[in-house]
């Protein structure tokens, strides 16, 4: 049960980090990547790009955090007899 709660906590941390990265991307990406300002393509393109990348970033962050936790826990278990 403790491992399940830890994984859920790491997933929540990954979701928070993904949200922060998505907000930063929306603030920092130049409009020239998505079209002209007058068509509205800039805003829609940026939003859809972030929406497409967010699930991938979330899954990668969750995997990295869980693997890091498992490695750290495994090393700690080897040190503690």
N, C-alpha and C. Protein backbone atom coordinates (compact mmCIF):
# COMPACT_ATOMS: atom_id res chain seq x y z
N UNK A 1 0.83 -1.19 0.00
CA UNK A 1 0.00 0.00 0.00
C UNK A 1 0.88 1.26 0.00
N UNK A 2 1.99 1.17 0.75
CA UNK A 2 2.88 2.32 0.83
C UNK A 2 3.48 2.63 -0.55
N UNK A 3 3.84 1.58 -1.30
CA UNK A 3 4.40 1.80 -2.63
C UNK A 3 3.38 2.42 -3.57
N UNK A 4 2.13 2.00 -3.46
CA UNK A 4 1.07 2.56 -4.30
C UNK A 4 0.86 4.04 -4.00
N UNK A 5 0.88 4.39 -2.72
CA UNK A 5 0.74 5.80 -2.34
C UNK A 5 1.94 6.62 -2.80
N UNK A 6 3.11 6.03 -2.75
CA UNK A 6 4.32 6.71 -3.21
C UNK A 6 4.23 6.97 -4.71
N UNK A 7 3.81 5.97 -5.47
CA UNK A 7 3.67 6.13 -6.92
C UNK A 7 2.62 7.18 -7.23
N UNK A 8 1.51 7.19 -6.49
CA UNK A 8 0.48 8.20 -6.70
C UNK A 8 1.02 9.59 -6.39
N UNK A 9 1.80 9.70 -5.33
CA UNK A 9 2.41 10.99 -5.00
C UNK A 9 3.38 11.46 -6.06
N UNK A 10 4.18 10.53 -6.59
CA UNK A 10 5.11 10.88 -7.66
C UNK A 10 4.35 11.28 -8.93
N UNK A 11 3.22 10.64 -9.20
CA UNK A 11 2.41 11.01 -10.35
C UNK A 11 1.83 12.42 -10.17
N UNK A 12 1.41 12.74 -8.96
CA UNK A 12 0.91 14.10 -8.68
C UNK A 12 2.03 15.13 -8.84
N UNK A 13 3.22 14.79 -8.38
CA UNK A 13 4.36 15.68 -8.56
C UNK A 13 4.66 15.87 -10.04
N UNK A 14 4.60 14.80 -10.81
CA UNK A 14 4.82 14.89 -12.26
C UNK A 14 3.75 15.75 -12.92
N UNK A 15 2.50 15.63 -12.46
CA UNK A 15 1.42 16.45 -13.02
C UNK A 15 1.65 17.93 -12.71
N UNK A 16 2.09 18.23 -11.51
CA UNK A 16 2.38 19.61 -11.14
C UNK A 16 3.53 20.17 -11.98
N UNK A 17 4.59 19.39 -12.13
CA UNK A 17 5.72 19.84 -12.94
C UNK A 17 5.32 20.00 -14.40
N UNK A 18 4.47 19.12 -14.91
CA UNK A 18 3.98 19.24 -16.28
C UNK A 18 3.17 20.51 -16.46
N UNK A 19 2.33 20.83 -15.48
CA UNK A 19 1.54 22.06 -15.56
C UNK A 19 2.43 23.30 -15.55
N UNK A 20 3.46 23.28 -14.73
CA UNK A 20 4.40 24.41 -14.68
C UNK A 20 5.13 24.55 -16.00
N UNK A 21 5.62 23.42 -16.54
CA UNK A 21 6.31 23.46 -17.83
C UNK A 21 5.38 23.91 -18.96
N UNK A 22 4.13 23.47 -18.93
CA UNK A 22 3.16 23.88 -19.96
C UNK A 22 2.91 25.39 -19.89
N UNK A 23 2.74 25.91 -18.69
CA UNK A 23 2.52 27.35 -18.55
C UNK A 23 3.73 28.13 -19.05
N UNK A 24 4.93 27.66 -18.67
CA UNK A 24 6.14 28.34 -19.13
C UNK A 24 6.25 28.29 -20.66
N UNK A 25 5.88 27.16 -21.25
CA UNK A 25 5.94 27.03 -22.70
C UNK A 25 4.97 28.01 -23.37
N UNK A 26 3.77 28.13 -22.82
CA UNK A 26 2.80 29.06 -23.40
C UNK A 26 3.27 30.51 -23.29
N UNK A 27 3.99 30.81 -22.24
CA UNK A 27 4.48 32.17 -22.05
C UNK A 27 5.72 32.47 -22.91
N UNK A 28 6.53 31.46 -23.18
CA UNK A 28 7.83 31.71 -23.81
C UNK A 28 7.89 31.38 -25.30
N UNK A 29 6.99 30.53 -25.81
CA UNK A 29 7.06 30.17 -27.23
C UNK A 29 6.68 31.38 -28.09
N UNK A 30 7.48 31.67 -29.11
CA UNK A 30 7.14 32.80 -29.97
C UNK A 30 5.97 32.48 -30.90
N UNK A 31 5.16 33.48 -31.18
CA UNK A 31 4.00 33.30 -32.05
C UNK A 31 4.41 32.94 -33.48
N UNK A 32 5.59 33.32 -33.87
CA UNK A 32 6.01 33.05 -35.25
C UNK A 32 6.08 31.55 -35.54
N UNK A 33 6.13 30.72 -34.52
CA UNK A 33 6.15 29.27 -34.73
C UNK A 33 4.80 28.75 -35.20
N UNK A 34 3.71 29.48 -34.96
CA UNK A 34 2.36 28.94 -35.16
C UNK A 34 1.51 29.72 -36.16
N UNK A 35 2.00 30.77 -36.74
CA UNK A 35 1.23 31.52 -37.71
C UNK A 35 1.18 32.99 -37.36
N UNK A 36 0.37 33.71 -38.11
CA UNK A 36 0.31 35.16 -37.90
C UNK A 36 -0.60 35.50 -36.73
N UNK A 37 -0.42 36.70 -36.23
CA UNK A 37 -1.21 37.17 -35.08
C UNK A 37 -2.66 37.42 -35.46
N UNK A 38 -2.91 37.85 -36.69
CA UNK A 38 -4.26 38.27 -37.07
C UNK A 38 -5.21 37.09 -37.26
N UNK A 39 -4.70 35.94 -37.57
CA UNK A 39 -5.57 34.79 -37.83
C UNK A 39 -6.00 34.07 -36.56
N UNK A 40 -5.37 34.32 -35.48
CA UNK A 40 -5.64 33.58 -34.25
C UNK A 40 -4.91 32.25 -34.20
N UNK A 41 -4.13 31.96 -35.25
CA UNK A 41 -3.41 30.69 -35.30
C UNK A 41 -2.35 30.61 -34.22
N UNK A 42 -1.83 31.75 -33.83
CA UNK A 42 -0.78 31.76 -32.82
C UNK A 42 -1.29 31.15 -31.52
N UNK A 43 -2.39 31.64 -31.01
CA UNK A 43 -2.92 31.15 -29.75
C UNK A 43 -3.38 29.70 -29.83
N UNK A 44 -4.14 29.37 -30.87
CA UNK A 44 -4.61 28.00 -31.01
C UNK A 44 -3.46 27.03 -31.23
N UNK A 45 -2.50 27.41 -32.04
CA UNK A 45 -1.35 26.53 -32.29
C UNK A 45 -0.56 26.25 -31.04
N UNK A 46 -0.32 27.29 -30.25
CA UNK A 46 0.45 27.12 -29.02
C UNK A 46 -0.31 26.24 -28.02
N UNK A 47 -1.59 26.47 -27.89
CA UNK A 47 -2.39 25.69 -26.95
C UNK A 47 -2.43 24.22 -27.37
N UNK A 48 -2.66 23.97 -28.66
CA UNK A 48 -2.71 22.59 -29.12
C UNK A 48 -1.35 21.90 -29.04
N UNK A 49 -0.28 22.64 -29.27
CA UNK A 49 1.06 22.05 -29.13
C UNK A 49 1.32 21.64 -27.69
N UNK A 50 0.95 22.48 -26.75
CA UNK A 50 1.14 22.16 -25.33
C UNK A 50 0.22 21.00 -24.92
N UNK A 51 -1.02 21.00 -25.42
CA UNK A 51 -1.94 19.90 -25.11
C UNK A 51 -1.43 18.57 -25.65
N UNK A 52 -0.77 18.60 -26.79
CA UNK A 52 -0.21 17.38 -27.36
C UNK A 52 1.02 16.90 -26.63
N UNK A 53 1.83 17.82 -26.16
CA UNK A 53 3.08 17.45 -25.50
C UNK A 53 2.88 17.10 -24.02
N UNK A 54 1.86 17.65 -23.38
CA UNK A 54 1.68 17.46 -21.94
C UNK A 54 1.53 15.99 -21.52
N UNK A 55 0.73 15.17 -22.20
CA UNK A 55 0.66 13.76 -21.77
C UNK A 55 1.99 13.03 -21.88
N UNK A 56 2.75 13.33 -22.92
CA UNK A 56 4.05 12.69 -23.10
C UNK A 56 5.00 13.12 -21.99
N UNK A 57 5.01 14.42 -21.70
CA UNK A 57 5.87 14.94 -20.63
C UNK A 57 5.46 14.34 -19.29
N UNK A 58 4.16 14.24 -19.05
CA UNK A 58 3.66 13.66 -17.79
C UNK A 58 4.12 12.22 -17.64
N UNK A 59 3.96 11.41 -18.68
CA UNK A 59 4.36 10.00 -18.60
C UNK A 59 5.86 9.85 -18.41
N UNK A 60 6.64 10.66 -19.12
CA UNK A 60 8.10 10.59 -18.97
C UNK A 60 8.53 11.01 -17.57
N UNK A 61 7.96 12.10 -17.06
CA UNK A 61 8.32 12.54 -15.71
C UNK A 61 7.92 11.51 -14.66
N UNK A 62 6.75 10.92 -14.81
CA UNK A 62 6.32 9.89 -13.87
C UNK A 62 7.28 8.71 -13.89
N UNK A 63 7.65 8.26 -15.08
CA UNK A 63 8.58 7.13 -15.19
C UNK A 63 9.93 7.46 -14.58
N UNK A 64 10.45 8.65 -14.88
CA UNK A 64 11.76 9.04 -14.35
C UNK A 64 11.72 9.14 -12.83
N UNK A 65 10.68 9.74 -12.29
CA UNK A 65 10.57 9.86 -10.84
C UNK A 65 10.43 8.50 -10.17
N UNK A 66 9.63 7.60 -10.75
CA UNK A 66 9.46 6.27 -10.16
C UNK A 66 10.74 5.44 -10.25
N UNK A 67 11.43 5.52 -11.36
CA UNK A 67 12.69 4.79 -11.50
C UNK A 67 13.73 5.34 -10.52
N UNK A 68 13.80 6.66 -10.40
CA UNK A 68 14.73 7.26 -9.44
C UNK A 68 14.40 6.86 -8.02
N UNK A 69 13.13 6.82 -7.69
CA UNK A 69 12.72 6.40 -6.35
C UNK A 69 13.09 4.93 -6.11
N UNK A 70 12.84 4.07 -7.08
CA UNK A 70 13.14 2.65 -6.92
C UNK A 70 14.64 2.42 -6.78
N UNK A 71 15.44 3.13 -7.55
CA UNK A 71 16.90 2.98 -7.43
C UNK A 71 17.39 3.45 -6.07
N UNK A 72 16.87 4.58 -5.63
CA UNK A 72 17.29 5.11 -4.33
C UNK A 72 16.87 4.17 -3.21
N UNK A 73 15.67 3.65 -3.32
CA UNK A 73 15.17 2.72 -2.30
C UNK A 73 15.96 1.42 -2.32
N UNK A 74 16.34 0.96 -3.52
CA UNK A 74 17.14 -0.26 -3.62
C UNK A 74 18.51 -0.10 -3.02
N UNK A 75 19.15 1.04 -3.25
CA UNK A 75 20.47 1.31 -2.66
C UNK A 75 20.37 1.42 -1.15
N UNK A 76 19.31 2.04 -0.68
CA UNK A 76 19.12 2.21 0.75
C UNK A 76 18.88 0.85 1.42
N UNK A 77 18.16 -0.04 0.73
CA UNK A 77 17.90 -1.37 1.29
C UNK A 77 19.19 -2.18 1.35
N UNK A 78 20.12 -1.99 0.42
CA UNK A 78 21.38 -2.71 0.44
C UNK A 78 22.26 -2.23 1.58
N UNK A 79 22.16 -0.95 1.93
CA UNK A 79 22.98 -0.41 3.01
C UNK A 79 22.47 -0.80 4.38
N UNK A 80 21.15 -0.95 4.54
CA UNK A 80 20.55 -1.30 5.80
C UNK A 80 20.41 -2.83 5.90
N UNK A 81 21.15 -3.47 6.80
CA UNK A 81 21.06 -4.94 6.92
C UNK A 81 19.79 -5.35 7.64
